[in-house]
Amino acid sequence: MCKKIGMLLLIVLCSFSLVGCNTLYNTSTLQQILEENNYIIVDVRTKEEYEEGHVKESINIPYDEIDENIGLEKEKTILVYCRSGKRSSIAYERLTSLGYEVYDLGAYDSLPLEKE
C-alpha cells in the first residue's frame, strides 16, 4: 500500500513539474511559430555537439552560458533544443526568468526540422 501511495505521489509531483513549461508537443504549434517567422532557434548543446550537426539556421549558445547579457531579441520567440531535453529545459527556465517567450523543443534527434 505504501509503495502504491509513493508511486502515485511521484506521478503527481512529476505532473506538476511539467505545468507551465512551453514544450511543443505537436507540430501544428511549431508550424504556426515558424510561419509567423518571428523566432530564433537556439541549440543549447556544446560547441562540439553543434558542429557535429544542428538544426538549419539555429545558433549555438550553450545552456551554461545563458545570462542577462545574452543579447537575444526579446520581441522574438525563442525555440531551444539539446541532445536529450535536459539542458533545453534548464535553458527554458533561465530564458523565461529573463523575460523571453520560450518554447522547449526537446531532443535534437526527434525534431521535425531540417538539419545540417
C-alpha atoms as a PDB file:
ATOM      1  CA  MET A   1       0.000   0.000   0.000  1.00  0.00           C
ATOM      2  CA  CYS A   2       2.818   2.428   0.884  1.00  0.00           C
ATOM      3  CA  LYS A   3       4.544   1.698  -2.429  1.00  0.00           C
ATOM      4  CA  LYS A   4       1.343   2.499  -4.351  1.00  0.00           C
ATOM      5  CA  ILE A   5       0.882   5.775  -2.476  1.00  0.00           C
ATOM      6  CA  GLY A   6       4.539   6.653  -3.026  1.00  0.00           C
ATOM      7  CA  MET A   7       4.282   5.922  -6.741  1.00  0.00           C
ATOM      8  CA  LEU A   8       1.072   7.965  -7.038  1.00  0.00           C
ATOM      9  CA  LEU A   9       2.737  10.875  -5.221  1.00  0.00           C
ATOM     10  CA  LEU A  10       5.735  10.659  -7.572  1.00  0.00           C
ATOM     11  CA  ILE A  11       3.457  10.760 -10.626  1.00  0.00           C
ATOM     12  CA  VAL A  12       1.550  13.765  -9.267  1.00  0.00           C
ATOM     13  CA  LEU A  13       4.765  15.647  -8.456  1.00  0.00           C
ATOM     14  CA  CYS A  14       6.202  14.940 -11.889  1.00  0.00           C
ATOM     15  CA  SER A  15       2.987  16.180 -13.486  1.00  0.00           C
ATOM     16  CA  PHE A  16       3.148  19.430 -11.534  1.00  0.00           C
ATOM     17  CA  SER A  17       6.743  19.965 -12.599  1.00  0.00           C
ATOM     18  CA  LEU A  18       5.628  19.950 -16.246  1.00  0.00           C
ATOM     19  CA  VAL A  19       2.853  22.504 -15.801  1.00  0.00           C
ATOM     20  CA  GLY A  20       3.806  25.842 -17.304  1.00  0.00           C
ATOM     21  CA  CYS A  21       6.661  24.546 -19.412  1.00  0.00           C
ATOM     22  CA  ASN A  22       6.191  25.571 -23.026  1.00  0.00           C
ATOM     23  CA  THR A  23       7.164  22.267 -24.562  1.00  0.00           C
ATOM     24  CA  LEU A  24       5.989  21.869 -28.133  1.00  0.00           C
ATOM     25  CA  TYR A  25       4.167  18.555 -28.108  1.00  0.00           C
ATOM     26  CA  ASN A  26       2.622  18.952 -31.532  1.00  0.00           C
ATOM     27  CA  THR A  27       3.875  20.041 -34.891  1.00  0.00           C
ATOM     28  CA  SER A  28       0.930  22.374 -35.559  1.00  0.00           C
ATOM     29  CA  THR A  29       2.084  24.757 -32.799  1.00  0.00           C
ATOM     30  CA  LEU A  30       5.618  24.617 -34.140  1.00  0.00           C
ATOM     31  CA  GLN A  31       4.380  25.163 -37.699  1.00  0.00           C
ATOM     32  CA  GLN A  32       2.417  28.238 -36.592  1.00  0.00           C
ATOM     33  CA  ILE A  33       5.503  29.735 -34.918  1.00  0.00           C
ATOM     34  CA  LEU A  34       7.620  29.029 -37.995  1.00  0.00           C
ATOM     35  CA  GLU A  35       5.026  30.594 -40.312  1.00  0.00           C
ATOM     36  CA  GLU A  36       4.985  33.776 -38.222  1.00  0.00           C
ATOM     37  CA  ASN A  37       8.748  33.976 -38.910  1.00  0.00           C
ATOM     38  CA  ASN A  38       9.479  35.812 -35.656  1.00  0.00           C
ATOM     39  CA  TYR A  39      11.655  33.288 -33.858  1.00  0.00           C
ATOM     40  CA  ILE A  40      15.225  32.308 -33.056  1.00  0.00           C
ATOM     41  CA  ILE A  41      16.232  28.653 -32.756  1.00  0.00           C
ATOM     42  CA  VAL A  42      18.888  28.151 -30.103  1.00  0.00           C
ATOM     43  CA  ASP A  43      20.917  24.948 -29.823  1.00  0.00           C
ATOM     44  CA  VAL A  44      21.986  24.834 -26.173  1.00  0.00           C
ATOM     45  CA  ARG A  45      24.435  21.937 -26.591  1.00  0.00           C
ATOM     46  CA  THR A  46      28.199  22.338 -26.557  1.00  0.00           C
ATOM     47  CA  LYS A  47      30.043  23.876 -29.492  1.00  0.00           C
ATOM     48  CA  GLU A  48      31.392  20.425 -30.408  1.00  0.00           C
ATOM     49  CA  GLU A  49      27.911  18.869 -30.460  1.00  0.00           C
ATOM     50  CA  TYR A  50      26.616  21.769 -32.556  1.00  0.00           C
ATOM     51  CA  GLU A  51      29.416  21.329 -35.092  1.00  0.00           C
ATOM     52  CA  GLU A  52      28.558  17.620 -35.464  1.00  0.00           C
ATOM     53  CA  GLY A  53      25.081  18.595 -36.696  1.00  0.00           C
ATOM     54  CA  HIS A  54      22.358  21.097 -35.863  1.00  0.00           C
ATOM     55  CA  VAL A  55      19.023  22.485 -36.958  1.00  0.00           C
ATOM     56  CA  LYS A  56      19.388  24.647 -40.049  1.00  0.00           C
ATOM     57  CA  GLU A  57      19.573  28.365 -39.199  1.00  0.00           C
ATOM     58  CA  SER A  58      19.960  27.691 -35.467  1.00  0.00           C
ATOM     59  CA  ILE A  59      22.513  29.494 -33.350  1.00  0.00           C
ATOM     60  CA  ASN A  60      24.634  27.872 -30.670  1.00  0.00           C
ATOM     61  CA  ILE A  61      24.536  29.201 -27.138  1.00  0.00           C
ATOM     62  CA  PRO A  62      25.494  26.503 -24.615  1.00  0.00           C
ATOM     63  CA  TYR A  63      22.929  26.390 -21.802  1.00  0.00           C
ATOM     64  CA  ASP A  64      25.520  27.248 -19.156  1.00  0.00           C
ATOM     65  CA  GLU A  65      26.394  30.488 -20.987  1.00  0.00           C
ATOM     66  CA  ILE A  66      22.871  31.915 -20.913  1.00  0.00           C
ATOM     67  CA  ASP A  67      22.762  35.035 -18.758  1.00  0.00           C
ATOM     68  CA  GLU A  68      21.231  38.522 -18.711  1.00  0.00           C
ATOM     69  CA  ASN A  69      23.743  39.705 -21.351  1.00  0.00           C
ATOM     70  CA  ILE A  70      22.802  37.032 -23.888  1.00  0.00           C
ATOM     71  CA  GLY A  71      21.704  39.633 -26.464  1.00  0.00           C
ATOM     72  CA  LEU A  72      18.706  37.834 -27.962  1.00  0.00           C
ATOM     73  CA  GLU A  73      15.815  39.958 -29.217  1.00  0.00           C
ATOM     74  CA  LYS A  74      13.001  39.919 -26.647  1.00  0.00           C
ATOM     75  CA  GLU A  75      10.448  40.525 -29.423  1.00  0.00           C
ATOM     76  CA  LYS A  76      11.231  37.121 -30.919  1.00  0.00           C
ATOM     77  CA  THR A  77      10.030  33.702 -29.780  1.00  0.00           C
ATOM     78  CA  ILE A  78      12.976  31.585 -28.642  1.00  0.00           C
ATOM     79  CA  LEU A  79      12.972  27.874 -29.516  1.00  0.00           C
ATOM     80  CA  VAL A  80      15.541  25.821 -27.583  1.00  0.00           C
ATOM     81  CA  TYR A  81      16.723  22.249 -28.029  1.00  0.00           C
ATOM     82  CA  CYS A  82      19.561  19.967 -26.904  1.00  0.00           C
ATOM     83  CA  ARG A  83      20.545  16.310 -27.145  1.00  0.00           C
ATOM     84  CA  SER A  84      18.026  14.789 -24.719  1.00  0.00           C
ATOM     85  CA  GLY A  85      15.837  17.617 -23.424  1.00  0.00           C
ATOM     86  CA  LYS A  86      17.514  18.153 -20.046  1.00  0.00           C
ATOM     87  CA  ARG A  87      19.688  21.138 -20.994  1.00  0.00           C
ATOM     88  CA  SER A  88      16.920  22.694 -23.080  1.00  0.00           C
ATOM     89  CA  SER A  89      14.668  22.510 -20.023  1.00  0.00           C
ATOM     90  CA  ILE A  90      17.298  24.353 -17.964  1.00  0.00           C
ATOM     91  CA  ALA A  91      17.717  26.921 -20.762  1.00  0.00           C
ATOM     92  CA  TYR A  92      13.933  27.304 -20.961  1.00  0.00           C
ATOM     93  CA  GLU A  93      13.740  28.117 -17.248  1.00  0.00           C
ATOM     94  CA  ARG A  94      16.647  30.568 -17.416  1.00  0.00           C
ATOM     95  CA  LEU A  95      15.417  32.402 -20.531  1.00  0.00           C
ATOM     96  CA  THR A  96      11.870  32.577 -19.161  1.00  0.00           C
ATOM     97  CA  SER A  97      13.202  34.135 -15.950  1.00  0.00           C
ATOM     98  CA  LEU A  98      14.982  36.730 -18.113  1.00  0.00           C
ATOM     99  CA  GLY A  99      11.675  37.713 -19.755  1.00  0.00           C
ATOM    100  CA  TYR A 100      11.803  35.826 -23.059  1.00  0.00           C
ATOM    101  CA  GLU A 101       8.929  33.912 -24.658  1.00  0.00           C
ATOM    102  CA  VAL A 102      10.446  30.447 -24.914  1.00  0.00           C
ATOM    103  CA  TYR A 103       9.428  27.021 -26.189  1.00  0.00           C
ATOM    104  CA  ASP A 104      11.390  23.890 -25.395  1.00  0.00           C
ATOM    105  CA  LEU A 105      11.717  21.710 -28.497  1.00  0.00           C
ATOM    106  CA  GLY A 106      13.366  18.922 -26.503  1.00  0.00           C
ATOM    107  CA  ALA A 107      15.721  16.407 -28.084  1.00  0.00           C
ATOM    108  CA  TYR A 108      17.611  17.128 -31.306  1.00  0.00           C
ATOM    109  CA  ASP A 109      17.092  13.672 -32.840  1.00  0.00           C
ATOM    110  CA  SER A 110      13.301  13.914 -32.561  1.00  0.00           C
ATOM    111  CA  LEU A 111      12.932  17.362 -34.144  1.00  0.00           C
ATOM    112  CA  PRO A 112      10.943  17.568 -37.382  1.00  0.00           C
ATOM    113  CA  LEU A 113      13.145  20.395 -38.658  1.00  0.00           C
ATOM    114  CA  GLU A 114      15.750  20.496 -41.427  1.00  0.00           C
ATOM    115  CA  LYS A 115      19.224  19.723 -40.116  1.00  0.00           C
ATOM    116  CA  GLU A 116      22.715  20.388 -41.404  1.00  0.00           C
END
